[in-house]
């Protein structure tokens, strides 16, 4: 009778692959849970609320845009050059200054009549975090100019200026403009 001295290593390989798979799975879960999750505040609402009522939000915005305009006044714009590697045009952004900033909005009808009794809210936010958000629920009006209180901005980088205007319950307009503070 002949004795077989050839050893098979396939059970060890299966056990090794199983250990490697479990280790990589644990590492993936651990690294993914350590990354902070930030909420999106599109339309100045929580993501879930905006997602559930997006059709109504867009209908109200469309009705608002047919009759009214929202304009940001007295700001300095940075002229952006288009990226040669992309076909997307780069929009000009608002240049912020380090320290005190104030923003003035004018809400008017398409015929030029200024609206004095609108409910205007303002949000200064950064694109990937909600930690530095500055929310002003009611921006006061002075002769049709809705001027925010002085906002102190110290951190350089990208910002977004969001404005929500309610004329009545059926007409709600939004303005979202990119801004940048140079280091």
N, C-alpha and C. Protein backbone atom coordinates (compact mmCIF):
# COMPACT_ATOMS: atom_id res chain seq x y z
N UNK A 1 0.82 -1.15 0.00
CA UNK A 1 0.00 0.00 0.00
C UNK A 1 0.88 1.24 0.00
N UNK A 2 0.56 2.15 -0.84
CA UNK A 2 1.38 3.34 -1.03
C UNK A 2 0.83 4.48 -0.17
N UNK A 3 1.71 5.15 0.57
CA UNK A 3 1.32 6.24 1.44
C UNK A 3 1.44 7.56 0.69
N UNK A 4 0.41 8.42 0.79
CA UNK A 4 0.39 9.70 0.09
C UNK A 4 0.98 10.76 1.01
N UNK A 5 2.15 11.30 0.65
CA UNK A 5 2.83 12.32 1.45
C UNK A 5 2.56 13.74 0.95
N UNK A 6 1.76 13.89 -0.09
CA UNK A 6 1.45 15.23 -0.60
C UNK A 6 0.45 15.91 0.33
N UNK A 7 0.83 17.09 0.86
CA UNK A 7 -0.05 17.84 1.74
C UNK A 7 -0.87 18.82 0.91
N UNK A 8 -2.10 19.00 1.31
CA UNK A 8 -2.94 19.98 0.64
C UNK A 8 -3.06 21.21 1.53
N UNK A 9 -2.93 22.36 0.90
CA UNK A 9 -2.95 23.62 1.63
C UNK A 9 -4.24 24.41 1.43
N UNK A 10 -5.17 23.89 0.65
CA UNK A 10 -6.38 24.64 0.38
C UNK A 10 -7.21 24.94 1.63
N UNK A 11 -7.29 24.11 2.67
CA UNK A 11 -8.03 24.53 3.88
C UNK A 11 -7.38 25.73 4.57
N UNK A 12 -6.05 25.79 4.53
CA UNK A 12 -5.35 26.94 5.12
C UNK A 12 -5.59 28.21 4.31
N UNK A 13 -5.66 28.07 2.99
CA UNK A 13 -5.92 29.23 2.13
C UNK A 13 -7.33 29.77 2.37
N UNK A 14 -8.29 28.89 2.49
CA UNK A 14 -9.66 29.32 2.73
C UNK A 14 -9.74 30.05 4.07
N UNK A 15 -9.12 29.51 5.09
CA UNK A 15 -9.10 30.14 6.41
C UNK A 15 -8.38 31.50 6.34
N UNK A 16 -7.29 31.59 5.61
CA UNK A 16 -6.55 32.86 5.45
C UNK A 16 -7.39 33.91 4.74
N UNK A 17 -8.08 33.52 3.64
CA UNK A 17 -8.93 34.47 2.93
C UNK A 17 -10.09 34.94 3.81
N UNK A 18 -10.63 34.05 4.61
CA UNK A 18 -11.71 34.41 5.52
C UNK A 18 -11.23 35.42 6.56
N UNK A 19 -10.06 35.23 7.10
CA UNK A 19 -9.50 36.18 8.07
C UNK A 19 -9.22 37.52 7.41
N UNK A 20 -8.67 37.51 6.21
CA UNK A 20 -8.41 38.76 5.48
C UNK A 20 -9.72 39.49 5.19
N UNK A 21 -10.76 38.77 4.77
CA UNK A 21 -12.05 39.39 4.49
C UNK A 21 -12.68 40.01 5.72
N UNK A 22 -12.62 39.31 6.84
CA UNK A 22 -13.17 39.85 8.08
C UNK A 22 -12.39 41.08 8.55
N UNK A 23 -11.08 41.04 8.40
CA UNK A 23 -10.25 42.18 8.79
C UNK A 23 -10.56 43.39 7.92
N UNK A 24 -10.65 43.21 6.60
CA UNK A 24 -10.97 44.34 5.71
C UNK A 24 -12.38 44.87 5.96
N UNK A 25 -13.33 43.99 6.25
CA UNK A 25 -14.69 44.43 6.58
C UNK A 25 -14.71 45.27 7.85
N UNK A 26 -14.00 44.84 8.87
CA UNK A 26 -13.90 45.60 10.12
C UNK A 26 -13.25 46.95 9.87
N UNK A 27 -12.17 46.98 9.10
CA UNK A 27 -11.46 48.23 8.80
C UNK A 27 -12.36 49.19 8.04
N UNK A 28 -13.15 48.69 7.09
CA UNK A 28 -14.06 49.54 6.32
C UNK A 28 -15.12 50.17 7.21
N UNK A 29 -15.73 49.38 8.07
CA UNK A 29 -16.76 49.91 8.96
C UNK A 29 -16.16 50.91 9.94
N UNK A 30 -14.99 50.61 10.48
CA UNK A 30 -14.35 51.51 11.45
C UNK A 30 -13.96 52.83 10.80
N UNK A 31 -13.39 52.81 9.60
CA UNK A 31 -12.99 54.06 8.95
C UNK A 31 -14.21 54.85 8.46
N UNK A 32 -15.26 54.17 8.01
CA UNK A 32 -16.45 54.89 7.55
C UNK A 32 -17.21 55.53 8.70
N UNK A 33 -17.21 54.91 9.85
CA UNK A 33 -17.94 55.49 10.98
C UNK A 33 -17.17 56.62 11.64
N UNK A 34 -15.89 56.77 11.36
CA UNK A 34 -15.12 57.85 11.97
C UNK A 34 -15.23 59.15 11.17
N UNK A 35 -15.77 59.10 9.95
CA UNK A 35 -15.92 60.30 9.13
C UNK A 35 -17.23 60.99 9.52
N UNK A 36 -17.19 62.28 9.86
CA UNK A 36 -18.43 62.94 10.27
C UNK A 36 -19.37 63.14 9.08
N UNK A 37 -20.65 63.01 9.34
CA UNK A 37 -21.68 63.21 8.33
C UNK A 37 -22.28 64.58 8.54
N UNK A 38 -22.33 65.37 7.47
CA UNK A 38 -22.88 66.72 7.56
C UNK A 38 -24.22 66.77 6.83
N UNK A 39 -25.14 67.54 7.37
CA UNK A 39 -26.45 67.69 6.76
C UNK A 39 -26.36 68.69 5.62
N UNK A 40 -27.17 68.47 4.60
CA UNK A 40 -27.28 69.40 3.49
C UNK A 40 -28.41 70.35 3.82
N UNK A 41 -28.23 71.64 3.58
CA UNK A 41 -29.29 72.59 3.87
C UNK A 41 -29.74 73.33 2.61
N UNK A 42 -30.00 72.58 1.58
CA UNK A 42 -30.50 73.14 0.34
C UNK A 42 -31.90 73.71 0.58
N UNK A 43 -32.20 74.85 0.01
CA UNK A 43 -33.47 75.55 0.21
C UNK A 43 -33.68 75.94 1.68
N UNK A 44 -32.60 76.03 2.44
CA UNK A 44 -32.61 76.42 3.84
C UNK A 44 -33.50 75.51 4.68
N UNK A 45 -33.56 74.24 4.30
CA UNK A 45 -34.33 73.23 5.02
C UNK A 45 -33.44 72.02 5.24
N UNK A 46 -33.83 71.18 6.19
CA UNK A 46 -33.12 69.91 6.34
C UNK A 46 -33.36 69.07 5.09
N UNK A 47 -32.42 68.20 4.80
CA UNK A 47 -32.48 67.40 3.58
C UNK A 47 -33.78 66.59 3.49
N UNK A 48 -34.18 65.98 4.59
CA UNK A 48 -35.36 65.12 4.58
C UNK A 48 -36.61 65.93 4.26
N UNK A 49 -36.73 67.11 4.85
CA UNK A 49 -37.91 67.94 4.61
C UNK A 49 -37.93 68.47 3.18
N UNK A 50 -36.77 68.87 2.67
CA UNK A 50 -36.70 69.34 1.28
C UNK A 50 -36.97 68.20 0.31
N UNK A 51 -36.48 67.01 0.61
CA UNK A 51 -36.68 65.87 -0.27
C UNK A 51 -38.15 65.46 -0.34
N UNK A 52 -38.84 65.50 0.80
CA UNK A 52 -40.25 65.12 0.81
C UNK A 52 -41.14 66.12 0.07
N UNK A 53 -40.80 67.41 0.14
CA UNK A 53 -41.65 68.42 -0.48
C UNK A 53 -41.01 69.13 -1.64
N UNK A 54 -40.12 68.48 -2.38
CA UNK A 54 -39.39 69.16 -3.45
C UNK A 54 -40.30 69.66 -4.56
N UNK A 55 -41.35 68.91 -4.89
CA UNK A 55 -42.25 69.35 -5.95
C UNK A 55 -42.96 70.64 -5.55
N UNK A 56 -43.44 70.70 -4.33
CA UNK A 56 -44.11 71.90 -3.84
C UNK A 56 -43.13 73.08 -3.77
N UNK A 57 -41.91 72.82 -3.33
CA UNK A 57 -40.88 73.87 -3.24
C UNK A 57 -40.60 74.44 -4.63
N UNK A 58 -40.43 73.57 -5.61
CA UNK A 58 -40.12 74.04 -6.96
C UNK A 58 -41.29 74.78 -7.58
N UNK A 59 -42.54 74.35 -7.32
CA UNK A 59 -43.71 75.06 -7.84
C UNK A 59 -43.80 76.46 -7.25
N UNK A 60 -43.58 76.58 -5.93
CA UNK A 60 -43.63 77.89 -5.29
C UNK A 60 -42.50 78.79 -5.78
N UNK A 61 -41.32 78.22 -5.98
CA UNK A 61 -40.19 79.00 -6.50
C UNK A 61 -40.47 79.48 -7.92
N UNK A 62 -41.05 78.62 -8.73
CA UNK A 62 -41.37 78.99 -10.11
C UNK A 62 -42.42 80.10 -10.14
N UNK A 63 -43.44 80.01 -9.29
CA UNK A 63 -44.46 81.06 -9.20
C UNK A 63 -43.84 82.37 -8.73
N UNK A 64 -42.90 82.29 -7.78
CA UNK A 64 -42.21 83.47 -7.28
C UNK A 64 -41.37 84.11 -8.38
N UNK A 65 -40.60 83.30 -9.11
CA UNK A 65 -39.69 83.82 -10.13
C UNK A 65 -40.43 84.46 -11.30
N UNK A 66 -41.69 84.12 -11.52
CA UNK A 66 -42.47 84.75 -12.60
C UNK A 66 -42.80 86.20 -12.26
N UNK A 67 -42.92 86.50 -10.97
CA UNK A 67 -43.40 87.83 -10.56
C UNK A 67 -42.30 88.67 -9.92
N UNK A 68 -41.37 88.05 -9.17
CA UNK A 68 -40.41 88.79 -8.35
C UNK A 68 -38.96 88.45 -8.73
N UNK A 69 -38.06 89.34 -8.29
CA UNK A 69 -36.62 89.09 -8.40
C UNK A 69 -35.96 89.38 -7.05
N UNK A 70 -34.89 88.67 -6.78
CA UNK A 70 -34.08 88.88 -5.57
C UNK A 70 -32.70 89.31 -6.05
N UNK A 71 -32.24 90.47 -5.57
CA UNK A 71 -30.94 90.99 -6.00
C UNK A 71 -30.09 91.31 -4.78
N UNK A 72 -28.84 90.92 -4.83
CA UNK A 72 -27.86 91.25 -3.79
C UNK A 72 -27.12 92.50 -4.25
N UNK A 73 -27.10 93.52 -3.41
CA UNK A 73 -26.52 94.82 -3.78
C UNK A 73 -25.24 95.09 -3.01
N UNK A 74 -24.42 95.95 -3.59
CA UNK A 74 -23.21 96.48 -2.95
C UNK A 74 -22.23 95.39 -2.53
N UNK A 75 -21.95 94.48 -3.44
CA UNK A 75 -20.95 93.45 -3.18
C UNK A 75 -19.89 93.51 -4.28
N UNK A 76 -18.70 93.09 -3.94
CA UNK A 76 -17.61 93.03 -4.89
C UNK A 76 -17.50 91.61 -5.42
N UNK A 77 -17.41 91.47 -6.73
CA UNK A 77 -17.34 90.15 -7.36
C UNK A 77 -15.90 89.83 -7.75
N UNK A 78 -15.56 88.54 -7.64
CA UNK A 78 -14.27 88.04 -8.11
C UNK A 78 -14.50 87.48 -9.51
N UNK A 79 -13.71 87.91 -10.46
CA UNK A 79 -13.84 87.40 -11.82
C UNK A 79 -13.08 86.09 -11.91
N UNK A 80 -13.80 85.03 -12.22
CA UNK A 80 -13.21 83.70 -12.29
C UNK A 80 -12.85 83.39 -13.75
N UNK A 81 -11.71 82.77 -13.94
CA UNK A 81 -11.33 82.33 -15.28
C UNK A 81 -11.83 80.90 -15.47
N UNK A 82 -12.26 80.60 -16.68
CA UNK A 82 -12.79 79.27 -16.95
C UNK A 82 -11.67 78.24 -16.91
N UNK A 83 -12.00 77.07 -16.45
CA UNK A 83 -11.07 75.96 -16.38
C UNK A 83 -10.89 75.41 -17.79
N UNK A 84 -9.66 75.33 -18.27
CA UNK A 84 -9.41 74.85 -19.63
C UNK A 84 -9.67 73.36 -19.76
N UNK A 85 -9.69 72.62 -18.66
CA UNK A 85 -9.91 71.18 -18.70
C UNK A 85 -11.38 70.80 -18.55
N UNK A 86 -12.24 71.78 -18.42
CA UNK A 86 -13.66 71.51 -18.23
C UNK A 86 -14.47 72.39 -19.16
N UNK A 87 -15.59 71.89 -19.59
CA UNK A 87 -16.47 72.67 -20.45
C UNK A 87 -17.47 73.49 -19.65
N UNK A 88 -17.44 73.37 -18.32
CA UNK A 88 -18.37 74.11 -17.49
C UNK A 88 -17.83 75.51 -17.24
N UNK A 89 -18.63 76.53 -17.48
CA UNK A 89 -18.18 77.89 -17.17
C UNK A 89 -18.15 78.11 -15.67
N UNK A 90 -17.18 78.87 -15.20
CA UNK A 90 -17.04 79.17 -13.78
C UNK A 90 -17.83 80.44 -13.48
N UNK A 91 -18.79 80.38 -12.55
CA UNK A 91 -19.53 81.59 -12.22
C UNK A 91 -18.67 82.53 -11.39
N UNK A 92 -18.91 83.82 -11.53
CA UNK A 92 -18.21 84.79 -10.69
C UNK A 92 -18.74 84.66 -9.27
N UNK A 93 -17.86 84.78 -8.30
CA UNK A 93 -18.25 84.61 -6.91
C UNK A 93 -18.11 85.93 -6.17
N UNK A 94 -18.82 86.04 -5.08
CA UNK A 94 -18.78 87.24 -4.26
C UNK A 94 -17.51 87.21 -3.42
N UNK A 95 -16.80 88.33 -3.39
CA UNK A 95 -15.57 88.41 -2.62
C UNK A 95 -15.91 88.90 -1.21
N UNK A 96 -15.59 88.09 -0.23
CA UNK A 96 -15.80 88.45 1.17
C UNK A 96 -14.55 89.11 1.71
N UNK A 97 -14.71 89.87 2.77
CA UNK A 97 -13.56 90.49 3.43
C UNK A 97 -13.42 89.86 4.81
N UNK A 98 -12.19 89.77 5.26
CA UNK A 98 -11.93 89.20 6.59
C UNK A 98 -12.44 90.18 7.64
N UNK A 99 -13.28 89.68 8.52
CA UNK A 99 -13.85 90.54 9.55
C UNK A 99 -15.32 90.79 9.29
N UNK A 100 -15.73 92.04 9.38
CA UNK A 100 -17.14 92.40 9.30
C UNK A 100 -17.65 92.44 7.86
N UNK A 101 -18.77 91.75 7.63
CA UNK A 101 -19.45 91.72 6.34
C UNK A 101 -20.93 91.98 6.58
N UNK A 102 -21.55 92.67 5.63
CA UNK A 102 -22.98 92.92 5.70
C UNK A 102 -23.55 92.78 4.29
N UNK A 103 -24.73 92.18 4.19
CA UNK A 103 -25.32 91.88 2.89
C UNK A 103 -26.68 92.56 2.77
N UNK A 104 -26.92 93.17 1.61
CA UNK A 104 -28.17 93.91 1.36
C UNK A 104 -28.89 93.28 0.18
N UNK A 105 -30.13 92.90 0.42
CA UNK A 105 -30.97 92.30 -0.63
C UNK A 105 -32.10 93.26 -0.96
N UNK A 106 -32.47 93.28 -2.24
CA UNK A 106 -33.64 94.03 -2.69
C UNK A 106 -34.57 93.04 -3.36
N UNK A 107 -35.81 93.00 -2.88
CA UNK A 107 -36.84 92.16 -3.46
C UNK A 107 -37.77 93.09 -4.23
N UNK A 108 -37.92 92.82 -5.52
CA UNK A 108 -38.75 93.69 -6.34
C UNK A 108 -39.58 92.86 -7.31
N UNK A 109 -40.66 93.48 -7.78
CA UNK A 109 -41.46 92.86 -8.82
C UNK A 109 -40.73 93.03 -10.14
N UNK A 110 -41.16 92.30 -11.15
CA UNK A 110 -40.51 92.38 -12.47
C UNK A 110 -40.65 93.77 -13.06
N UNK A 111 -41.71 94.51 -12.68
CA UNK A 111 -41.89 95.86 -13.22
C UNK A 111 -41.05 96.90 -12.48
N UNK A 112 -40.29 96.50 -11.45
CA UNK A 112 -39.40 97.41 -10.73
C UNK A 112 -39.93 97.89 -9.40
N UNK A 113 -41.16 97.55 -9.05
CA UNK A 113 -41.73 97.95 -7.77
C UNK A 113 -41.05 97.18 -6.64
N UNK A 114 -40.57 97.92 -5.65
CA UNK A 114 -39.87 97.30 -4.52
C UNK A 114 -40.89 96.75 -3.53
N UNK A 115 -40.62 95.55 -3.02
CA UNK A 115 -41.49 94.91 -2.03
C UNK A 115 -40.95 95.20 -0.64
N UNK A 116 -41.78 95.83 0.20
CA UNK A 116 -41.35 96.21 1.54
C UNK A 116 -41.79 95.25 2.64
N UNK A 117 -42.77 94.39 2.37
CA UNK A 117 -43.36 93.59 3.43
C UNK A 117 -43.06 92.10 3.29
N UNK A 118 -41.95 91.75 2.72
CA UNK A 118 -41.59 90.33 2.56
C UNK A 118 -40.96 89.80 3.84
N UNK A 119 -41.04 88.51 4.01
CA UNK A 119 -40.38 87.83 5.12
C UNK A 119 -39.08 87.24 4.57
N UNK A 120 -37.96 87.84 4.90
CA UNK A 120 -36.67 87.46 4.34
C UNK A 120 -35.82 86.77 5.41
N UNK A 121 -35.28 85.60 5.05
CA UNK A 121 -34.35 84.86 5.92
C UNK A 121 -33.02 84.75 5.19
N UNK A 122 -31.93 84.70 5.96
CA UNK A 122 -30.59 84.66 5.38
C UNK A 122 -29.78 83.56 6.07
N UNK A 123 -28.97 82.87 5.28
CA UNK A 123 -28.09 81.83 5.81
C UNK A 123 -26.72 81.95 5.14
N UNK A 124 -25.69 82.12 5.97
CA UNK A 124 -24.30 82.08 5.50
C UNK A 124 -23.78 80.71 5.89
N UNK A 125 -23.38 79.91 4.93
CA UNK A 125 -22.96 78.54 5.22
C UNK A 125 -21.71 78.21 4.41
N UNK A 126 -21.05 77.15 4.83
CA UNK A 126 -19.92 76.60 4.08
C UNK A 126 -20.42 75.34 3.40
N UNK A 127 -19.88 75.00 2.21
CA UNK A 127 -20.43 73.89 1.44
C UNK A 127 -20.39 72.53 2.13
N UNK A 128 -19.41 72.24 2.96
CA UNK A 128 -19.27 70.88 3.48
C UNK A 128 -19.37 70.78 4.99
N UNK A 129 -19.87 71.81 5.64
CA UNK A 129 -20.03 71.75 7.08
C UNK A 129 -21.15 72.69 7.52
N UNK A 130 -21.77 72.35 8.63
CA UNK A 130 -22.80 73.22 9.20
C UNK A 130 -22.30 73.87 10.49
N UNK A 131 -21.05 73.66 10.83
CA UNK A 131 -20.50 74.19 12.08
C UNK A 131 -20.39 75.71 12.07
N UNK A 132 -20.14 76.31 10.92
CA UNK A 132 -19.94 77.76 10.84
C UNK A 132 -21.16 78.50 10.32
N UNK A 133 -22.33 77.85 10.29
CA UNK A 133 -23.54 78.48 9.75
C UNK A 133 -23.96 79.68 10.59
N UNK A 134 -24.39 80.73 9.89
CA UNK A 134 -24.98 81.90 10.52
C UNK A 134 -26.37 82.06 9.92
N UNK A 135 -27.39 81.82 10.73
CA UNK A 135 -28.77 81.89 10.26
C UNK A 135 -29.45 83.10 10.87
N UNK A 136 -30.08 83.89 10.02
CA UNK A 136 -30.87 85.05 10.46
C UNK A 136 -32.29 84.81 9.98
N UNK A 137 -33.18 84.53 10.92
CA UNK A 137 -34.56 84.16 10.57
C UNK A 137 -35.34 85.32 9.97
N UNK A 138 -35.18 86.51 10.51
CA UNK A 138 -35.94 87.67 10.05
C UNK A 138 -34.97 88.82 9.76
N UNK A 139 -34.73 89.10 8.48
CA UNK A 139 -33.85 90.21 8.09
C UNK A 139 -34.71 91.48 8.05
N UNK A 140 -34.32 92.52 8.79
CA UNK A 140 -35.13 93.74 8.82
C UNK A 140 -35.06 94.52 7.50
N UNK A 141 -36.15 95.23 7.22
CA UNK A 141 -36.25 96.02 5.99
C UNK A 141 -36.15 97.50 6.33
N UNK A 142 -35.45 98.23 5.48
CA UNK A 142 -35.36 99.68 5.60
C UNK A 142 -35.54 100.27 4.21
N UNK A 143 -36.72 100.80 3.92
CA UNK A 143 -37.06 101.37 2.60
C UNK A 143 -36.86 100.37 1.47
N UNK A 144 -37.26 99.13 1.70
CA UNK A 144 -37.18 98.12 0.65
C UNK A 144 -35.86 97.41 0.56
N UNK A 145 -34.88 97.78 1.39
CA UNK A 145 -33.58 97.12 1.40
C UNK A 145 -33.52 96.24 2.65
N UNK A 146 -33.34 94.96 2.42
CA UNK A 146 -33.24 94.00 3.52
C UNK A 146 -31.76 93.80 3.83
N UNK A 147 -31.31 94.38 4.96
CA UNK A 147 -29.89 94.38 5.30
C UNK A 147 -29.66 93.48 6.51
N UNK A 148 -28.72 92.54 6.35
CA UNK A 148 -28.39 91.65 7.46
C UNK A 148 -27.59 92.41 8.50
N UNK A 149 -27.61 91.94 9.74
CA UNK A 149 -26.69 92.51 10.72
C UNK A 149 -25.24 92.20 10.31
N UNK A 150 -24.30 92.84 10.95
CA UNK A 150 -22.89 92.62 10.64
C UNK A 150 -22.52 91.19 11.04
N UNK A 151 -21.88 90.49 10.10
CA UNK A 151 -21.46 89.11 10.32
C UNK A 151 -19.95 89.07 10.28
N UNK A 152 -19.34 88.51 11.30
CA UNK A 152 -17.88 88.42 11.39
C UNK A 152 -17.43 87.10 10.75
N UNK A 153 -16.62 87.20 9.69
CA UNK A 153 -16.12 86.02 8.98
C UNK A 153 -14.60 86.02 9.10
N UNK A 154 -14.06 84.97 9.69
CA UNK A 154 -12.62 84.88 9.91
C UNK A 154 -11.95 83.75 9.13
N UNK A 155 -12.66 82.64 8.92
CA UNK A 155 -12.05 81.48 8.27
C UNK A 155 -12.04 81.67 6.76
N UNK A 156 -10.87 81.54 6.12
CA UNK A 156 -10.83 81.66 4.66
C UNK A 156 -11.43 80.42 4.01
N UNK A 157 -11.88 80.60 2.77
CA UNK A 157 -12.42 79.47 2.02
C UNK A 157 -13.73 79.80 1.35
N UNK A 158 -14.42 78.75 0.90
CA UNK A 158 -15.67 78.90 0.16
C UNK A 158 -16.85 79.05 1.12
N UNK A 159 -17.80 79.86 0.70
CA UNK A 159 -19.04 80.07 1.45
C UNK A 159 -20.19 80.08 0.45
N UNK A 160 -21.40 80.00 0.99
CA UNK A 160 -22.60 80.13 0.17
C UNK A 160 -23.54 81.09 0.89
N UNK A 161 -24.04 82.08 0.14
CA UNK A 161 -25.02 83.02 0.68
C UNK A 161 -26.39 82.56 0.21
N UNK A 162 -27.25 82.20 1.15
CA UNK A 162 -28.59 81.73 0.81
C UNK A 162 -29.61 82.71 1.38
N UNK A 163 -30.62 82.98 0.58
CA UNK A 163 -31.67 83.89 0.98
C UNK A 163 -33.01 83.27 0.60
N UNK A 164 -33.95 83.29 1.55
CA UNK A 164 -35.31 82.79 1.29
C UNK A 164 -36.27 83.95 1.52
N UNK A 165 -37.15 84.18 0.53
CA UNK A 165 -38.11 85.28 0.61
C UNK A 165 -39.51 84.69 0.52
N UNK A 166 -40.34 85.03 1.52
CA UNK A 166 -41.74 84.61 1.52
C UNK A 166 -42.59 85.86 1.36
N UNK A 167 -43.37 85.89 0.28
CA UNK A 167 -44.30 87.00 0.08
C UNK A 167 -45.64 86.62 0.71
N UNK A 168 -46.11 85.46 0.39
CA UNK A 168 -47.26 84.86 1.07
C UNK A 168 -47.00 83.36 1.10
N UNK A 169 -47.94 82.57 1.52
CA UNK A 169 -47.67 81.14 1.65
C UNK A 169 -47.42 80.44 0.32
N UNK A 170 -47.91 81.00 -0.76
CA UNK A 170 -47.78 80.33 -2.05
C UNK A 170 -46.59 80.81 -2.87
N UNK A 171 -45.96 81.91 -2.48
CA UNK A 171 -44.84 82.43 -3.27
C UNK A 171 -43.59 82.52 -2.37
N UNK A 172 -42.71 81.58 -2.58
CA UNK A 172 -41.46 81.53 -1.81
C UNK A 172 -40.31 81.48 -2.81
N UNK A 173 -39.38 82.42 -2.70
CA UNK A 173 -38.24 82.47 -3.60
C UNK A 173 -36.95 82.18 -2.87
N UNK A 174 -35.97 81.69 -3.62
CA UNK A 174 -34.67 81.34 -3.05
C UNK A 174 -33.57 81.95 -3.90
N UNK A 175 -32.53 82.36 -3.23
CA UNK A 175 -31.32 82.84 -3.90
C UNK A 175 -30.14 82.14 -3.25
N UNK A 176 -29.27 81.58 -4.06
CA UNK A 176 -28.08 80.90 -3.55
C UNK A 176 -26.89 81.37 -4.39
N UNK A 177 -25.95 82.06 -3.74
CA UNK A 177 -24.80 82.61 -4.45
C UNK A 177 -23.50 82.15 -3.80
N UNK A 178 -22.51 81.76 -4.62
CA UNK A 178 -21.22 81.35 -4.05
C UNK A 178 -20.41 82.58 -3.62
N UNK A 179 -19.62 82.40 -2.57
CA UNK A 179 -18.77 83.46 -2.06
C UNK A 179 -17.43 82.85 -1.65
N UNK A 180 -16.41 83.72 -1.54
CA UNK A 180 -15.08 83.23 -1.23
C UNK A 180 -14.33 84.27 -0.39
N UNK A 181 -13.63 83.78 0.63
CA UNK A 181 -12.76 84.63 1.44
C UNK A 181 -11.34 84.17 1.23
N UNK A 182 -10.53 85.07 0.67
CA UNK A 182 -9.13 84.73 0.40
C UNK A 182 -8.35 84.59 1.70
N UNK A 183 -7.39 83.66 1.71
CA UNK A 183 -6.55 83.50 2.92
C UNK A 183 -5.62 84.67 3.12
